[in-house]
């Protein structure tokens, strides 16, 4: 069962995410455009890492949308589909 949730892309927002749950996440700008797509086995921890490392700098109006999955393998498969469909600019830089 996939559960979606959107929170501000900052430390306070990250604290509201599931801790030990796998899933995908999309970091979005204030216009709701997807900047980055990722997957992880631990949603809260991974989003906090992005904020700390400034992969995508937290800024006013940015948010992160997470979708829990039943397994890390399911999250990996969904991530590939989302990247192909959305072509987020930060994911494209890494290629």
C-alpha atoms as a PDB file:
ATOM      1  CA  UNK A   1       0.000   0.000   0.000  1.00  0.00           C
ATOM      2  CA  UNK A   2       1.507   3.322  -1.072  1.00  0.00           C
ATOM      3  CA  UNK A   3       0.966   6.287   1.220  1.00  0.00           C
ATOM      4  CA  UNK A   4       1.762   9.806  -0.044  1.00  0.00           C
ATOM      5  CA  UNK A   5       2.682  12.767   2.111  1.00  0.00           C
ATOM      6  CA  UNK A   6       3.994  16.267   1.363  1.00  0.00           C
ATOM      7  CA  UNK A   7       5.922  18.390   3.861  1.00  0.00           C
ATOM      8  CA  UNK A   8       8.115  21.505   3.654  1.00  0.00           C
ATOM      9  CA  UNK A   9      11.671  20.745   2.498  1.00  0.00           C
ATOM     10  CA  UNK A  10      13.408  21.756   5.706  1.00  0.00           C
ATOM     11  CA  UNK A  11      14.460  20.212   9.026  1.00  0.00           C
ATOM     12  CA  UNK A  12      11.039  20.652  10.611  1.00  0.00           C
ATOM     13  CA  UNK A  13       9.284  19.068   7.638  1.00  0.00           C
ATOM     14  CA  UNK A  14      11.706  16.122   7.579  1.00  0.00           C
ATOM     15  CA  UNK A  15      10.873  15.352  11.222  1.00  0.00           C
ATOM     16  CA  UNK A  16       7.283  14.644  10.147  1.00  0.00           C
ATOM     17  CA  UNK A  17       8.297  11.863   7.723  1.00  0.00           C
ATOM     18  CA  UNK A  18       8.218   8.126   8.476  1.00  0.00           C
ATOM     19  CA  UNK A  19      11.481   6.964  10.037  1.00  0.00           C
ATOM     20  CA  UNK A  20      12.076   3.309   9.173  1.00  0.00           C
ATOM     21  CA  UNK A  21       9.970   3.115   6.019  1.00  0.00           C
ATOM     22  CA  UNK A  22      11.062   2.600   2.387  1.00  0.00           C
ATOM     23  CA  UNK A  23       9.761   4.752  -0.418  1.00  0.00           C
ATOM     24  CA  UNK A  24      10.365   7.343  -3.093  1.00  0.00           C
ATOM     25  CA  UNK A  25      10.611  11.085  -2.686  1.00  0.00           C
ATOM     26  CA  UNK A  26      10.356  14.107  -4.967  1.00  0.00           C
ATOM     27  CA  UNK A  27      11.872  17.448  -4.052  1.00  0.00           C
ATOM     28  CA  UNK A  28       9.729  20.181  -5.616  1.00  0.00           C
ATOM     29  CA  UNK A  29      10.066  23.921  -6.156  1.00  0.00           C
ATOM     30  CA  UNK A  30       7.399  26.482  -5.191  1.00  0.00           C
ATOM     31  CA  UNK A  31       5.763  26.055  -8.627  1.00  0.00           C
ATOM     32  CA  UNK A  32       5.380  22.301  -7.934  1.00  0.00           C
ATOM     33  CA  UNK A  33       8.016  21.355 -10.527  1.00  0.00           C
ATOM     34  CA  UNK A  34      10.033  18.274  -9.564  1.00  0.00           C
ATOM     35  CA  UNK A  35      13.726  19.078  -9.078  1.00  0.00           C
ATOM     36  CA  UNK A  36      14.937  15.680  -7.861  1.00  0.00           C
ATOM     37  CA  UNK A  37      13.623  12.130  -7.452  1.00  0.00           C
ATOM     38  CA  UNK A  38      15.125   9.530  -5.143  1.00  0.00           C
ATOM     39  CA  UNK A  39      14.430   6.281  -3.334  1.00  0.00           C
ATOM     40  CA  UNK A  40      15.472   4.970   0.049  1.00  0.00           C
ATOM     41  CA  UNK A  41      14.852   2.388   2.702  1.00  0.00           C
ATOM     42  CA  UNK A  42      14.558   5.147   5.343  1.00  0.00           C
ATOM     43  CA  UNK A  43      12.631   8.206   4.161  1.00  0.00           C
ATOM     44  CA  UNK A  44      13.208  10.586   7.057  1.00  0.00           C
ATOM     45  CA  UNK A  45      16.930   9.896   7.291  1.00  0.00           C
ATOM     46  CA  UNK A  46      17.526  10.319   3.550  1.00  0.00           C
ATOM     47  CA  UNK A  47      15.633  13.605   3.294  1.00  0.00           C
ATOM     48  CA  UNK A  48      17.608  14.936   6.284  1.00  0.00           C
ATOM     49  CA  UNK A  49      20.828  13.961   4.457  1.00  0.00           C
ATOM     50  CA  UNK A  50      19.766  15.965   1.398  1.00  0.00           C
ATOM     51  CA  UNK A  51      19.095  19.006   3.564  1.00  0.00           C
ATOM     52  CA  UNK A  52      22.457  18.653   5.330  1.00  0.00           C
ATOM     53  CA  UNK A  53      24.439  18.038   2.120  1.00  0.00           C
ATOM     54  CA  UNK A  54      22.493  20.695   0.218  1.00  0.00           C
ATOM     55  CA  UNK A  55      21.964  18.397  -2.785  1.00  0.00           C
ATOM     56  CA  UNK A  56      18.995  20.667  -3.321  1.00  0.00           C
ATOM     57  CA  UNK A  57      19.246  23.737  -1.125  1.00  0.00           C
ATOM     58  CA  UNK A  58      16.249  24.268   1.144  1.00  0.00           C
ATOM     59  CA  UNK A  59      14.458  27.439   0.052  1.00  0.00           C
ATOM     60  CA  UNK A  60      11.167  29.122   0.815  1.00  0.00           C
ATOM     61  CA  UNK A  61       8.309  27.234  -0.761  1.00  0.00           C
ATOM     62  CA  UNK A  62      10.231  24.045  -1.565  1.00  0.00           C
ATOM     63  CA  UNK A  63       8.624  20.835  -0.442  1.00  0.00           C
ATOM     64  CA  UNK A  64       9.240  17.123  -0.464  1.00  0.00           C
ATOM     65  CA  UNK A  65       6.587  14.620  -1.465  1.00  0.00           C
ATOM     66  CA  UNK A  66       7.161  11.095  -0.206  1.00  0.00           C
ATOM     67  CA  UNK A  67       5.413   7.910  -1.182  1.00  0.00           C
ATOM     68  CA  UNK A  68       5.876   4.936   1.110  1.00  0.00           C
ATOM     69  CA  UNK A  69       6.273   1.540  -0.479  1.00  0.00           C
ATOM     70  CA  UNK A  70       6.138  -1.981   0.887  1.00  0.00           C
ATOM     71  CA  UNK A  71       9.834  -2.642   0.132  1.00  0.00           C
ATOM     72  CA  UNK A  72      13.086  -1.043  -0.979  1.00  0.00           C
ATOM     73  CA  UNK A  73      12.907  -3.033  -4.241  1.00  0.00           C
ATOM     74  CA  UNK A  74       9.505  -1.510  -4.996  1.00  0.00           C
ATOM     75  CA  UNK A  75      10.915   1.957  -4.222  1.00  0.00           C
ATOM     76  CA  UNK A  76      13.830   1.379  -6.630  1.00  0.00           C
ATOM     77  CA  UNK A  77      11.474   0.339  -9.415  1.00  0.00           C
ATOM     78  CA  UNK A  78       9.200   3.350  -8.838  1.00  0.00           C
ATOM     79  CA  UNK A  79      12.181   5.715  -8.780  1.00  0.00           C
ATOM     80  CA  UNK A  80      13.278   4.575 -12.247  1.00  0.00           C
ATOM     81  CA  UNK A  81       9.785   5.127 -13.625  1.00  0.00           C
ATOM     82  CA  UNK A  82       9.502   8.587 -12.042  1.00  0.00           C
ATOM     83  CA  UNK A  83      12.905   9.739 -13.326  1.00  0.00           C
ATOM     84  CA  UNK A  84      12.091   8.584 -16.836  1.00  0.00           C
ATOM     85  CA  UNK A  85       8.651  10.237 -16.737  1.00  0.00           C
ATOM     86  CA  UNK A  86       9.544  13.518 -14.982  1.00  0.00           C
ATOM     87  CA  UNK A  87      13.195  13.995 -16.083  1.00  0.00           C
ATOM     88  CA  UNK A  88      14.103  16.131 -13.045  1.00  0.00           C
ATOM     89  CA  UNK A  89      16.988  18.530 -13.749  1.00  0.00           C
ATOM     90  CA  UNK A  90      19.181  17.461 -10.805  1.00  0.00           C
ATOM     91  CA  UNK A  91      18.872  13.759 -11.665  1.00  0.00           C
ATOM     92  CA  UNK A  92      19.846  14.579 -15.262  1.00  0.00           C
ATOM     93  CA  UNK A  93      23.015  16.416 -14.087  1.00  0.00           C
ATOM     94  CA  UNK A  94      24.328  13.203 -12.540  1.00  0.00           C
ATOM     95  CA  UNK A  95      24.326  11.322 -15.838  1.00  0.00           C
END
